[in-house]
C-alpha cells in the first residue's frame, strides 16, 4: 500500500477501518487480498465491538492465506484520531505476511 499525505502534510499509510458492524469474513478477505499485494496491511478499530470484529477477521484471514504458504502475524498498537467529539483512541493492528 502506498503512503497518503493528509491535510497537515503528515504522511500516513492507508488502513482498513473496522466497525462493530463489520462482517469478519469480508474484512478477512480484504486482509488476505491486501497481504497478497503488499505483505502488510493495517486495520483501525475504535471501540470494543470493532476490536472484536478485527481480531475475528485476522484469525479468519490466517486460514485464507495459509494455502498460499503465508503465515500472518499481528502487532497491535494505539493511535489517536480526530472525531467530532475531539481526540479519541483507536487500536491499530499491523498484519504482516511471512
C-alpha atoms as a PDB file:
ATOM      1  CA  UNK A   1       0.000   0.000   0.000  1.00  0.00           C
ATOM      2  CA  UNK A   2       1.302   3.429  -0.779  1.00  0.00           C
ATOM      3  CA  UNK A   3       1.510   6.280   1.662  1.00  0.00           C
ATOM      4  CA  UNK A   4      -1.005   9.130   1.745  1.00  0.00           C
ATOM      5  CA  UNK A   5      -0.278  12.703   2.767  1.00  0.00           C
ATOM      6  CA  UNK A   6      -3.026  14.211   4.902  1.00  0.00           C
ATOM      7  CA  UNK A   7      -4.085  17.881   5.055  1.00  0.00           C
ATOM      8  CA  UNK A   8      -1.426  18.721   7.661  1.00  0.00           C
ATOM      9  CA  UNK A   9       1.358  17.384   5.451  1.00  0.00           C
ATOM     10  CA  UNK A  10       1.932  14.320   7.646  1.00  0.00           C
ATOM     11  CA  UNK A  11       2.439  11.111   5.690  1.00  0.00           C
ATOM     12  CA  UNK A  12       0.337   8.153   6.767  1.00  0.00           C
ATOM     13  CA  UNK A  13      -0.219   4.681   5.430  1.00  0.00           C
ATOM     14  CA  UNK A  14      -3.709   3.647   4.297  1.00  0.00           C
ATOM     15  CA  UNK A  15      -5.650   1.264   6.519  1.00  0.00           C
ATOM     16  CA  UNK A  16      -8.835  -0.748   6.669  1.00  0.00           C
ATOM     17  CA  UNK A  17     -11.446   0.681   9.021  1.00  0.00           C
ATOM     18  CA  UNK A  18     -13.266  -1.939  11.067  1.00  0.00           C
ATOM     19  CA  UNK A  19     -16.506  -1.179  12.908  1.00  0.00           C
ATOM     20  CA  UNK A  20     -18.617  -3.207  15.323  1.00  0.00           C
ATOM     21  CA  UNK A  21     -20.970  -3.951  12.427  1.00  0.00           C
ATOM     22  CA  UNK A  22     -18.265  -5.147  10.034  1.00  0.00           C
ATOM     23  CA  UNK A  23     -18.618  -8.669   8.659  1.00  0.00           C
ATOM     24  CA  UNK A  24     -15.474 -10.575   9.806  1.00  0.00           C
ATOM     25  CA  UNK A  25     -15.434 -12.744   6.654  1.00  0.00           C
ATOM     26  CA  UNK A  26     -15.490  -9.667   4.413  1.00  0.00           C
ATOM     27  CA  UNK A  27     -12.743  -7.958   6.399  1.00  0.00           C
ATOM     28  CA  UNK A  28     -10.716 -11.205   6.345  1.00  0.00           C
ATOM     29  CA  UNK A  29     -11.000 -11.329   2.573  1.00  0.00           C
ATOM     30  CA  UNK A  30      -9.796  -7.711   2.328  1.00  0.00           C
ATOM     31  CA  UNK A  31      -6.868  -8.510   4.634  1.00  0.00           C
ATOM     32  CA  UNK A  32      -5.897 -11.574   2.590  1.00  0.00           C
ATOM     33  CA  UNK A  33      -6.007  -9.681  -0.716  1.00  0.00           C
ATOM     34  CA  UNK A  34      -4.007  -6.791   0.761  1.00  0.00           C
ATOM     35  CA  UNK A  35      -1.234  -9.055   2.061  1.00  0.00           C
ATOM     36  CA  UNK A  36      -1.075 -10.873  -1.284  1.00  0.00           C
ATOM     37  CA  UNK A  37      -0.264  -7.499  -2.874  1.00  0.00           C
ATOM     38  CA  UNK A  38       1.921  -5.719  -0.327  1.00  0.00           C
ATOM     39  CA  UNK A  39       2.645  -8.203   2.502  1.00  0.00           C
ATOM     40  CA  UNK A  40       1.419  -5.681   5.114  1.00  0.00           C
ATOM     41  CA  UNK A  41      -1.938  -4.127   5.935  1.00  0.00           C
ATOM     42  CA  UNK A  42      -3.147  -2.009   8.838  1.00  0.00           C
ATOM     43  CA  UNK A  43      -6.583  -2.164  10.431  1.00  0.00           C
ATOM     44  CA  UNK A  44      -8.043   0.592  12.616  1.00  0.00           C
ATOM     45  CA  UNK A  45     -10.708  -0.198  15.210  1.00  0.00           C
ATOM     46  CA  UNK A  46     -12.460   2.153  17.643  1.00  0.00           C
ATOM     47  CA  UNK A  47     -14.389   0.536  20.475  1.00  0.00           C
ATOM     48  CA  UNK A  48     -14.660  -2.928  21.944  1.00  0.00           C
ATOM     49  CA  UNK A  49     -17.058  -4.248  19.288  1.00  0.00           C
ATOM     50  CA  UNK A  50     -14.816  -3.094  16.466  1.00  0.00           C
ATOM     51  CA  UNK A  51     -11.730  -4.627  18.100  1.00  0.00           C
ATOM     52  CA  UNK A  52     -13.651  -7.904  18.468  1.00  0.00           C
ATOM     53  CA  UNK A  53     -14.554  -7.951  14.766  1.00  0.00           C
ATOM     54  CA  UNK A  54     -10.979  -7.059  13.762  1.00  0.00           C
ATOM     55  CA  UNK A  55      -9.496  -9.910  15.804  1.00  0.00           C
ATOM     56  CA  UNK A  56     -12.007 -12.375  14.332  1.00  0.00           C
ATOM     57  CA  UNK A  57     -11.148 -11.149  10.829  1.00  0.00           C
ATOM     58  CA  UNK A  58      -7.402 -11.570  11.408  1.00  0.00           C
ATOM     59  CA  UNK A  59      -7.947 -15.147  12.613  1.00  0.00           C
ATOM     60  CA  UNK A  60     -10.110 -15.939   9.572  1.00  0.00           C
ATOM     61  CA  UNK A  61      -7.576 -14.295   7.213  1.00  0.00           C
ATOM     62  CA  UNK A  62      -4.870 -16.628   8.532  1.00  0.00           C
ATOM     63  CA  UNK A  63      -6.958 -19.514   7.223  1.00  0.00           C
ATOM     64  CA  UNK A  64      -7.447 -17.791   3.865  1.00  0.00           C
ATOM     65  CA  UNK A  65      -3.716 -17.131   3.379  1.00  0.00           C
ATOM     66  CA  UNK A  66      -2.373 -20.468   4.700  1.00  0.00           C
ATOM     67  CA  UNK A  67      -2.958 -22.426   1.441  1.00  0.00           C
ATOM     68  CA  UNK A  68      -0.644 -19.941  -0.304  1.00  0.00           C
ATOM     69  CA  UNK A  69       2.099 -20.685   2.227  1.00  0.00           C
ATOM     70  CA  UNK A  70       1.695 -17.355   4.048  1.00  0.00           C
ATOM     71  CA  UNK A  71       1.547 -17.044   7.813  1.00  0.00           C
ATOM     72  CA  UNK A  72       0.068 -13.844   9.208  1.00  0.00           C
ATOM     73  CA  UNK A  73       1.401 -12.100  12.281  1.00  0.00           C
ATOM     74  CA  UNK A  74      -0.251  -9.199  14.046  1.00  0.00           C
ATOM     75  CA  UNK A  75       1.209  -6.326  16.057  1.00  0.00           C
ATOM     76  CA  UNK A  76      -1.366  -4.231  17.922  1.00  0.00           C
ATOM     77  CA  UNK A  77      -0.773  -0.603  18.851  1.00  0.00           C
ATOM     78  CA  UNK A  78      -2.572   2.590  19.813  1.00  0.00           C
ATOM     79  CA  UNK A  79      -3.152   5.841  17.964  1.00  0.00           C
ATOM     80  CA  UNK A  80      -5.317   8.913  18.439  1.00  0.00           C
ATOM     81  CA  UNK A  81      -7.695  10.194  15.809  1.00  0.00           C
ATOM     82  CA  UNK A  82      -9.761  13.320  15.407  1.00  0.00           C
ATOM     83  CA  UNK A  83     -13.525  12.982  15.747  1.00  0.00           C
ATOM     84  CA  UNK A  84     -16.344  15.461  16.146  1.00  0.00           C
ATOM     85  CA  UNK A  85     -16.031  14.907  19.917  1.00  0.00           C
ATOM     86  CA  UNK A  86     -12.285  15.696  19.933  1.00  0.00           C
ATOM     87  CA  UNK A  87      -9.438  13.209  20.006  1.00  0.00           C
ATOM     88  CA  UNK A  88     -10.251   9.552  20.647  1.00  0.00           C
ATOM     89  CA  UNK A  89      -8.088   6.447  20.991  1.00  0.00           C
ATOM     90  CA  UNK A  90      -8.054   3.725  18.387  1.00  0.00           C
ATOM     91  CA  UNK A  91      -6.287   0.409  18.125  1.00  0.00           C
ATOM     92  CA  UNK A  92      -4.164  -0.210  15.039  1.00  0.00           C
ATOM     93  CA  UNK A  93      -3.441  -3.799  14.036  1.00  0.00           C
ATOM     94  CA  UNK A  94      -0.447  -4.217  11.713  1.00  0.00           C
ATOM     95  CA  UNK A  95      -0.853  -7.528   9.901  1.00  0.00           C
ATOM     96  CA  UNK A  96       2.188  -8.882   8.088  1.00  0.00           C
ATOM     97  CA  UNK A  97       2.550 -11.977   5.914  1.00  0.00           C
ATOM     98  CA  UNK A  98       5.693 -14.072   6.062  1.00  0.00           C
END
